[in-house]
Amino acid sequence: MSDKVYSTKEVEKHTNETSAWVIIEGGVYDVTKWLDDHPGGKKILLENSGKDCSDLFREYHNKKILAKTAAPMKIGIVGADSKI
């Protein structure tokens, strides 16, 4: 897990199949390599890349998924003064 701090503006730049990042619970996740393996399909990830997906994530997943499956994808956190 990295504690590199990213701004929401930086995350907003990563919205395609070559670089897809999302924010979940204040963490920044690079989901690019997960696009083809995501059980819900890559479309939902791409539609929400560059955004805070915390509410959507909680709607479909429990915290165990975040801790277990998403943990290796975590590249940092969103700065305290950065909000979408």
PDB file of N, CA and C in Angstrom:
ATOM      1  N   MET A   1       0.843  -1.176   0.000  1.00  0.00           N
ATOM      2  CA  MET A   1       0.000   0.000   0.000  1.00  0.00           C
ATOM      3  C   MET A   1       0.884   1.234   0.000  1.00  0.00           C
ATOM      4  N   SER A   2       0.527   2.178  -0.800  1.00  0.00           N
ATOM      5  CA  SER A   2       1.289   3.412  -0.919  1.00  0.00           C
ATOM      6  C   SER A   2       0.563   4.543  -0.208  1.00  0.00           C
ATOM      7  N   ASP A   3       1.326   5.479   0.337  1.00  0.00           N
ATOM      8  CA  ASP A   3       0.676   6.649   0.908  1.00  0.00           C
ATOM      9  C   ASP A   3       1.002   7.896   0.096  1.00  0.00           C
ATOM     10  N   LYS A   4       1.265   7.702  -1.178  1.00  0.00           N
ATOM     11  CA  LYS A   4       1.445   8.842  -2.072  1.00  0.00           C
ATOM     12  C   LYS A   4       0.119   9.602  -2.122  1.00  0.00           C
ATOM     13  N   VAL A   5       0.200  10.914  -2.114  1.00  0.00           N
ATOM     14  CA  VAL A   5      -1.003  11.744  -2.100  1.00  0.00           C
ATOM     15  C   VAL A   5      -1.268  12.294  -3.501  1.00  0.00           C
ATOM     16  N   TYR A   6      -2.493  12.096  -3.967  1.00  0.00           N
ATOM     17  CA  TYR A   6      -2.917  12.579  -5.277  1.00  0.00           C
ATOM     18  C   TYR A   6      -4.038  13.599  -5.105  1.00  0.00           C
ATOM     19  N   SER A   7      -4.110  14.532  -6.019  1.00  0.00           N
ATOM     20  CA  SER A   7      -5.242  15.461  -6.044  1.00  0.00           C
ATOM     21  C   SER A   7      -6.353  14.829  -6.880  1.00  0.00           C
ATOM     22  N   THR A   8      -7.568  15.286  -6.678  1.00  0.00           N
ATOM     23  CA  THR A   8      -8.663  14.788  -7.505  1.00  0.00           C
ATOM     24  C   THR A   8      -8.448  15.173  -8.962  1.00  0.00           C
ATOM     25  N   LYS A   9      -7.799  16.293  -9.195  1.00  0.00           N
ATOM     26  CA  LYS A   9      -7.502  16.718 -10.573  1.00  0.00           C
ATOM     27  C   LYS A   9      -6.603  15.698 -11.265  1.00  0.00           C
ATOM     28  N   GLU A  10      -5.647  15.142 -10.535  1.00  0.00           N
ATOM     29  CA  GLU A  10      -4.771  14.112 -11.112  1.00  0.00           C
ATOM     30  C   GLU A  10      -5.573  12.853 -11.420  1.00  0.00           C
ATOM     31  N   VAL A  11      -6.410  12.433 -10.489  1.00  0.00           N
ATOM     32  CA  VAL A  11      -7.220  11.231 -10.694  1.00  0.00           C
ATOM     33  C   VAL A  11      -8.136  11.408 -11.904  1.00  0.00           C
ATOM     34  N   GLU A  12      -8.694  12.586 -12.068  1.00  0.00           N
ATOM     35  CA  GLU A  12      -9.611  12.867 -13.181  1.00  0.00           C
ATOM     36  C   GLU A  12      -8.976  12.682 -14.555  1.00  0.00           C
ATOM     37  N   LYS A  13      -7.661  12.650 -14.635  1.00  0.00           N
ATOM     38  CA  LYS A  13      -6.952  12.478 -15.910  1.00  0.00           C
ATOM     39  C   LYS A  13      -6.901  11.017 -16.358  1.00  0.00           C
ATOM     40  N   HIS A  14      -7.230  10.090 -15.476  1.00  0.00           N
ATOM     41  CA  HIS A  14      -7.056   8.658 -15.743  1.00  0.00           C
ATOM     42  C   HIS A  14      -8.417   8.003 -15.975  1.00  0.00           C
ATOM     43  N   THR A  15      -8.875   8.095 -17.222  1.00  0.00           N
ATOM     44  CA  THR A  15     -10.247   7.684 -17.545  1.00  0.00           C
ATOM     45  C   THR A  15     -10.366   6.819 -18.794  1.00  0.00           C
ATOM     46  N   ASN A  16      -9.346   6.033 -19.081  1.00  0.00           N
ATOM     47  CA  ASN A  16      -9.438   5.217 -20.292  1.00  0.00           C
ATOM     48  C   ASN A  16      -8.799   3.848 -20.076  1.00  0.00           C
ATOM     49  N   GLU A  17      -8.837   3.018 -21.107  1.00  0.00           N
ATOM     50  CA  GLU A  17      -8.357   1.641 -20.994  1.00  0.00           C
ATOM     51  C   GLU A  17      -6.856   1.523 -20.763  1.00  0.00           C
ATOM     52  N   THR A  18      -6.105   2.568 -21.036  1.00  0.00           N
ATOM     53  CA  THR A  18      -4.663   2.506 -20.798  1.00  0.00           C
ATOM     54  C   THR A  18      -4.286   3.035 -19.423  1.00  0.00           C
ATOM     55  N   SER A  19      -5.207   3.741 -18.778  1.00  0.00           N
ATOM     56  CA  SER A  19      -4.965   4.259 -17.432  1.00  0.00           C
ATOM     57  C   SER A  19      -6.295   4.634 -16.785  1.00  0.00           C
ATOM     58  N   ALA A  20      -6.798   3.750 -15.944  1.00  0.00           N
ATOM     59  CA  ALA A  20      -8.088   3.965 -15.280  1.00  0.00           C
ATOM     60  C   ALA A  20      -7.893   3.955 -13.767  1.00  0.00           C
ATOM     61  N   TRP A  21      -8.158   5.098 -13.149  1.00  0.00           N
ATOM     62  CA  TRP A  21      -8.044   5.227 -11.692  1.00  0.00           C
ATOM     63  C   TRP A  21      -9.404   5.565 -11.114  1.00  0.00           C
ATOM     64  N   VAL A  22      -9.648   5.100  -9.893  1.00  0.00           N
ATOM     65  CA  VAL A  22     -10.864   5.461  -9.164  1.00  0.00           C
ATOM     66  C   VAL A  22     -10.494   5.811  -7.729  1.00  0.00           C
ATOM     67  N   ILE A  23     -11.396   6.527  -7.087  1.00  0.00           N
ATOM     68  CA  ILE A  23     -11.258   6.842  -5.668  1.00  0.00           C
ATOM     69  C   ILE A  23     -12.327   6.051  -4.925  1.00  0.00           C
ATOM     70  N   ILE A  24     -11.895   5.312  -3.900  1.00  0.00           N
ATOM     71  CA  ILE A  24     -12.828   4.579  -3.044  1.00  0.00           C
ATOM     72  C   ILE A  24     -12.399   4.797  -1.605  1.00  0.00           C
ATOM     73  N   GLU A  25     -13.312   5.333  -0.810  1.00  0.00           N
ATOM     74  CA  GLU A  25     -13.060   5.562   0.618  1.00  0.00           C
ATOM     75  C   GLU A  25     -11.762   6.332   0.854  1.00  0.00           C
ATOM     76  N   GLY A  26     -11.468   7.301   0.003  1.00  0.00           N
ATOM     77  CA  GLY A  26     -10.284   8.138   0.156  1.00  0.00           C
ATOM     78  C   GLY A  26      -9.009   7.555  -0.424  1.00  0.00           C
ATOM     79  N   GLY A  27      -9.060   6.305  -0.871  1.00  0.00           N
ATOM     80  CA  GLY A  27      -7.908   5.674  -1.502  1.00  0.00           C
ATOM     81  C   GLY A  27      -7.965   5.846  -3.010  1.00  0.00           C
ATOM     82  N   VAL A  28      -6.807   5.901  -3.640  1.00  0.00           N
ATOM     83  CA  VAL A  28      -6.723   5.989  -5.098  1.00  0.00           C
ATOM     84  C   VAL A  28      -6.275   4.623  -5.611  1.00  0.00           C
ATOM     85  N   TYR A  29      -7.048   4.075  -6.530  1.00  0.00           N
ATOM     86  CA  TYR A  29      -6.804   2.734  -7.052  1.00  0.00           C
ATOM     87  C   TYR A  29      -6.614   2.780  -8.561  1.00  0.00           C
ATOM     88  N   ASP A  30      -5.552   2.127  -9.034  1.00  0.00           N
ATOM     89  CA  ASP A  30      -5.312   1.980 -10.466  1.00  0.00           C
ATOM     90  C   ASP A  30      -5.955   0.661 -10.873  1.00  0.00           C
ATOM     91  N   VAL A  31      -7.113   0.738 -11.520  1.00  0.00           N
ATOM     92  CA  VAL A  31      -7.869  -0.460 -11.884  1.00  0.00           C
ATOM     93  C   VAL A  31      -7.622  -0.893 -13.333  1.00  0.00           C
ATOM     94  N   THR A  32      -6.634  -0.312 -13.968  1.00  0.00           N
ATOM     95  CA  THR A  32      -6.361  -0.584 -15.383  1.00  0.00           C
ATOM     96  C   THR A  32      -6.213  -2.078 -15.665  1.00  0.00           C
ATOM     97  N   LYS A  33      -5.401  -2.774 -14.895  1.00  0.00           N
ATOM     98  CA  LYS A  33      -5.162  -4.205 -15.135  1.00  0.00           C
ATOM     99  C   LYS A  33      -6.353  -5.070 -14.733  1.00  0.00           C
ATOM    100  N   TRP A  34      -7.307  -4.518 -14.019  1.00  0.00           N
ATOM    101  CA  TRP A  34      -8.482  -5.240 -13.537  1.00  0.00           C
ATOM    102  C   TRP A  34      -9.654  -5.122 -14.511  1.00  0.00           C
ATOM    103  N   LEU A  35      -9.550  -4.230 -15.491  1.00  0.00           N
ATOM    104  CA  LEU A  35     -10.667  -3.968 -16.399  1.00  0.00           C
ATOM    105  C   LEU A  35     -11.227  -5.237 -17.032  1.00  0.00           C
ATOM    106  N   ASP A  36     -10.371  -6.081 -17.565  1.00  0.00           N
ATOM    107  CA  ASP A  36     -10.834  -7.286 -18.259  1.00  0.00           C
ATOM    108  C   ASP A  36     -11.275  -8.392 -17.307  1.00  0.00           C
ATOM    109  N   ASP A  37     -10.904  -8.302 -16.032  1.00  0.00           N
ATOM    110  CA  ASP A  37     -11.233  -9.347 -15.062  1.00  0.00           C
ATOM    111  C   ASP A  37     -12.384  -8.983 -14.127  1.00  0.00           C
ATOM    112  N   HIS A  38     -12.802  -7.738 -14.130  1.00  0.00           N
ATOM    113  CA  HIS A  38     -13.858  -7.297 -13.219  1.00  0.00           C
ATOM    114  C   HIS A  38     -15.148  -8.065 -13.506  1.00  0.00           C
ATOM    115  N   PRO A  39     -15.709  -8.751 -12.499  1.00  0.00           N
ATOM    116  CA  PRO A  39     -16.924  -9.545 -12.725  1.00  0.00           C
ATOM    117  C   PRO A  39     -18.104  -8.733 -13.267  1.00  0.00           C
ATOM    118  N   GLY A  40     -18.163  -7.455 -12.961  1.00  0.00           N
ATOM    119  CA  GLY A  40     -19.246  -6.601 -13.457  1.00  0.00           C
ATOM    120  C   GLY A  40     -18.964  -6.015 -14.827  1.00  0.00           C
ATOM    121  N   GLY A  41     -17.817  -6.354 -15.390  1.00  0.00           N
ATOM    122  CA  GLY A  41     -17.442  -5.850 -16.707  1.00  0.00           C
ATOM    123  C   GLY A  41     -16.619  -4.577 -16.639  1.00  0.00           C
ATOM    124  N   LYS A  42     -15.887  -4.330 -17.696  1.00  0.00           N
ATOM    125  CA  LYS A  42     -15.022  -3.151 -17.717  1.00  0.00           C
ATOM    126  C   LYS A  42     -15.791  -1.860 -17.934  1.00  0.00           C
ATOM    127  N   LYS A  43     -16.959  -1.939 -18.555  1.00  0.00           N
ATOM    128  CA  LYS A  43     -17.730  -0.735 -18.856  1.00  0.00           C
ATOM    129  C   LYS A  43     -18.019   0.077 -17.593  1.00  0.00           C
ATOM    130  N   ILE A  44     -18.451  -0.575 -16.531  1.00  0.00           N
ATOM    131  CA  ILE A  44     -18.781   0.142 -15.298  1.00  0.00           C
ATOM    132  C   ILE A  44     -17.548   0.817 -14.704  1.00  0.00           C
ATOM    133  N   LEU A  45     -16.397   0.162 -14.808  1.00  0.00           N
ATOM    134  CA  LEU A  45     -15.165   0.768 -14.300  1.00  0.00           C
ATOM    135  C   LEU A  45     -14.768   1.978 -15.139  1.00  0.00           C
ATOM    136  N   LEU A  46     -14.855   1.844 -16.442  1.00  0.00           N
ATOM    137  CA  LEU A  46     -14.481   2.960 -17.314  1.00  0.00           C
ATOM    138  C   LEU A  46     -15.445   4.139 -17.182  1.00  0.00           C
ATOM    139  N   GLU A  47     -16.731   3.852 -17.025  1.00  0.00           N
ATOM    140  CA  GLU A  47     -17.710   4.931 -16.859  1.00  0.00           C
ATOM    141  C   GLU A  47     -17.472   5.727 -15.580  1.00  0.00           C
ATOM    142  N   ASN A  48     -16.865   5.090 -14.596  1.00  0.00           N
ATOM    143  CA  ASN A  48     -16.661   5.742 -13.304  1.00  0.00           C
ATOM    144  C   ASN A  48     -15.209   6.051 -13.002  1.00  0.00           C
ATOM    145  N   SER A  49     -14.324   5.789 -13.945  1.00  0.00           N
ATOM    146  CA  SER A  49     -12.915   6.103 -13.711  1.00  0.00           C
ATOM    147  C   SER A  49     -12.729   7.611 -13.656  1.00  0.00           C
ATOM    148  N   GLY A  50     -11.758   8.014 -12.867  1.00  0.00           N
ATOM    149  CA  GLY A  50     -11.499   9.431 -12.672  1.00  0.00           C
ATOM    150  C   GLY A  50     -12.397  10.063 -11.625  1.00  0.00           C
ATOM    151  N   LYS A  51     -13.212   9.255 -10.961  1.00  0.00           N
ATOM    152  CA  LYS A  51     -14.210   9.764 -10.016  1.00  0.00           C
ATOM    153  C   LYS A  51     -14.103   9.077  -8.656  1.00  0.00           C
ATOM    154  N   ASP A  52     -14.817   9.653  -7.693  1.00  0.00           N
ATOM    155  CA  ASP A  52     -14.992   9.012  -6.392  1.00  0.00           C
ATOM    156  C   ASP A  52     -16.146   8.027  -6.533  1.00  0.00           C
ATOM    157  N   CYS A  53     -15.840   6.751  -6.421  1.00  0.00           N
ATOM    158  CA  CYS A  53     -16.825   5.683  -6.607  1.00  0.00           C
ATOM    159  C   CYS A  53     -17.237   5.044  -5.289  1.00  0.00           C
ATOM    160  N   SER A  54     -16.987   5.706  -4.190  1.00  0.00           N
ATOM    161  CA  SER A  54     -17.247   5.112  -2.874  1.00  0.00           C
ATOM    162  C   SER A  54     -18.692   4.641  -2.721  1.00  0.00           C
ATOM    163  N   ASP A  55     -19.649   5.485  -3.053  1.00  0.00           N
ATOM    164  CA  ASP A  55     -21.059   5.107  -2.899  1.00  0.00           C
ATOM    165  C   ASP A  55     -21.423   3.932  -3.795  1.00  0.00           C
ATOM    166  N   LEU A  56     -20.991   3.968  -5.035  1.00  0.00           N
ATOM    167  CA  LEU A  56     -21.266   2.882  -5.970  1.00  0.00           C
ATOM    168  C   LEU A  56     -20.604   1.589  -5.504  1.00  0.00           C
ATOM    169  N   PHE A  57     -19.373   1.687  -5.032  1.00  0.00           N
ATOM    170  CA  PHE A  57     -18.658   0.513  -4.547  1.00  0.00           C
ATOM    171  C   PHE A  57     -19.415  -0.125  -3.382  1.00  0.00           C
ATOM    172  N   ARG A  58     -19.838   0.686  -2.413  1.00  0.00           N
ATOM    173  CA  ARG A  58     -20.563   0.160  -1.246  1.00  0.00           C
ATOM    174  C   ARG A  58     -21.891  -0.476  -1.642  1.00  0.00           C
ATOM    175  N   GLU A  59     -22.473  -0.004  -2.727  1.00  0.00           N
ATOM    176  CA  GLU A  59     -23.746  -0.551  -3.189  1.00  0.00           C
ATOM    177  C   GLU A  59     -23.607  -2.009  -3.636  1.00  0.00           C
ATOM    178  N   TYR A  60     -22.448  -2.363  -4.183  1.00  0.00           N
ATOM    179  CA  TYR A  60     -22.256  -3.699  -4.743  1.00  0.00           C
ATOM    180  C   TYR A  60     -21.256  -4.579  -4.004  1.00  0.00           C
ATOM    181  N   HIS A  61     -20.431  -4.003  -3.156  1.00  0.00           N
ATOM    182  CA  HIS A  61     -19.361  -4.759  -2.503  1.00  0.00           C
ATOM    183  C   HIS A  61     -19.324  -4.483  -1.006  1.00  0.00           C
ATOM    184  N   ASN A  62     -18.759  -5.439  -0.264  1.00  0.00           N
ATOM    185  CA  ASN A  62     -18.542  -5.194   1.157  1.00  0.00           C
ATOM    186  C   ASN A  62     -17.083  -4.805   1.379  1.00  0.00           C
ATOM    187  N   LYS A  63     -16.767  -4.402   2.597  1.00  0.00           N
ATOM    188  CA  LYS A  63     -15.412  -3.919   2.897  1.00  0.00           C
ATOM    189  C   LYS A  63     -14.345  -4.991   2.707  1.00  0.00           C
ATOM    190  N   LYS A  64     -14.717  -6.263   2.805  1.00  0.00           N
ATOM    191  CA  LYS A  64     -13.741  -7.342   2.619  1.00  0.00           C
ATOM    192  C   LYS A  64     -13.157  -7.312   1.209  1.00  0.00           C
ATOM    193  N   ILE A  65     -13.979  -6.978   0.243  1.00  0.00           N
ATOM    194  CA  ILE A  65     -13.502  -6.903  -1.146  1.00  0.00           C
ATOM    195  C   ILE A  65     -12.461  -5.801  -1.284  1.00  0.00           C
ATOM    196  N   LEU A  66     -12.733  -4.669  -0.652  1.00  0.00           N
ATOM    197  CA  LEU A  66     -11.784  -3.554  -0.712  1.00  0.00           C
ATOM    198  C   LEU A  66     -10.459  -3.959  -0.082  1.00  0.00           C
ATOM    199  N   ALA A  67     -10.523  -4.613   1.063  1.00  0.00           N
ATOM    200  CA  ALA A  67      -9.306  -5.010   1.770  1.00  0.00           C
ATOM    201  C   ALA A  67      -8.557  -6.128   1.052  1.00  0.00           C
ATOM    202  N   LYS A  68      -9.277  -7.061   0.472  1.00  0.00           N
ATOM    203  CA  LYS A  68      -8.640  -8.235  -0.128  1.00  0.00           C
ATOM    204  C   LYS A  68      -8.304  -8.049  -1.610  1.00  0.00           C
ATOM    205  N   THR A  69      -9.302  -7.781  -2.420  1.00  0.00           N
ATOM    206  CA  THR A  69      -9.113  -7.731  -3.870  1.00  0.00           C
ATOM    207  C   THR A  69      -8.526  -6.414  -4.349  1.00  0.00           C
ATOM    208  N   ALA A  70      -9.011  -5.309  -3.807  1.00  0.00           N
ATOM    209  CA  ALA A  70      -8.578  -4.003  -4.301  1.00  0.00           C
ATOM    210  C   ALA A  70      -7.259  -3.531  -3.700  1.00  0.00           C
ATOM    211  N   ALA A  71      -6.885  -4.060  -2.553  1.00  0.00           N
ATOM    212  CA  ALA A  71      -5.672  -3.594  -1.865  1.00  0.00           C
ATOM    213  C   ALA A  71      -4.436  -3.555  -2.765  1.00  0.00           C
ATOM    214  N   PRO A  72      -4.174  -4.578  -3.578  1.00  0.00           N
ATOM    215  CA  PRO A  72      -2.987  -4.520  -4.439  1.00  0.00           C
ATOM    216  C   PRO A  72      -3.042  -3.420  -5.503  1.00  0.00           C
ATOM    217  N   MET A  73      -4.235  -2.910  -5.771  1.00  0.00           N
ATOM    218  CA  MET A  73      -4.393  -1.861  -6.783  1.00  0.00           C
ATOM    219  C   MET A  73      -4.256  -0.463  -6.197  1.00  0.00           C
ATOM    220  N   LYS A  74      -4.188  -0.369  -4.874  1.00  0.00           N
ATOM    221  CA  LYS A  74      -4.117   0.945  -4.235  1.00  0.00           C
ATOM    222  C   LYS A  74      -2.763   1.581  -4.508  1.00  0.00           C
ATOM    223  N   ILE A  75      -2.794   2.799  -5.053  1.00  0.00           N
ATOM    224  CA  ILE A  75      -1.551   3.503  -5.379  1.00  0.00           C
ATOM    225  C   ILE A  75      -1.343   4.730  -4.508  1.00  0.00           C
ATOM    226  N   GLY A  76      -2.335   5.076  -3.704  1.00  0.00           N
ATOM    227  CA  GLY A  76      -2.187   6.235  -2.836  1.00  0.00           C
ATOM    228  C   GLY A  76      -3.498   6.662  -2.226  1.00  0.00           C
ATOM    229  N   ILE A  77      -3.525   7.914  -1.784  1.00  0.00           N
ATOM    230  CA  ILE A  77      -4.714   8.490  -1.170  1.00  0.00           C
ATOM    231  C   ILE A  77      -5.001   9.855  -1.798  1.00  0.00           C
ATOM    232  N   VAL A  78      -6.217  10.321  -1.589  1.00  0.00           N
ATOM    233  CA  VAL A  78      -6.584  11.656  -2.048  1.00  0.00           C
ATOM    234  C   VAL A  78      -6.215  12.630  -0.945  1.00  0.00           C
ATOM    235  N   GLY A  79      -5.594  13.735  -1.321  1.00  0.00           N
ATOM    236  CA  GLY A  79      -5.212  14.750  -0.349  1.00  0.00           C
ATOM    237  C   GLY A  79      -6.412  15.286   0.407  1.00  0.00           C
ATOM    238  N   ALA A  80      -6.217  15.625   1.673  1.00  0.00           N
ATOM    239  CA  ALA A  80      -7.303  16.094   2.536  1.00  0.00           C
ATOM    240  C   ALA A  80      -8.002  17.327   1.980  1.00  0.00           C
ATOM    241  N   ASP A  81      -7.281  18.156   1.254  1.00  0.00           N
ATOM    242  CA  ASP A  81      -7.892  19.370   0.709  1.00  0.00           C
ATOM    243  C   ASP A  81      -8.439  19.165  -0.700  1.00  0.00           C
ATOM    244  N   SER A  82      -8.397  17.925  -1.197  1.00  0.00           N
ATOM    245  CA  SER A  82      -8.880  17.620  -2.544  1.00  0.00           C
ATOM    246  C   SER A  82     -10.195  16.880  -2.462  1.00  0.00           C
ATOM    247  N   LYS A  83     -11.236  17.462  -2.999  1.00  0.00           N
ATOM    248  CA  LYS A  83     -12.540  16.817  -3.004  1.00  0.00           C
ATOM    249  C   LYS A  83     -13.179  16.980  -4.362  1.00  0.00           C
ATOM    250  N   ILE A  84     -13.931  15.953  -4.756  1.00  0.00           N
ATOM    251  CA  ILE A  84     -14.667  16.003  -6.021  1.00  0.00           C
ATOM    252  C   ILE A  84     -16.019  16.617  -5.738  1.00  0.00           C
TER     253      ILE A  84
END
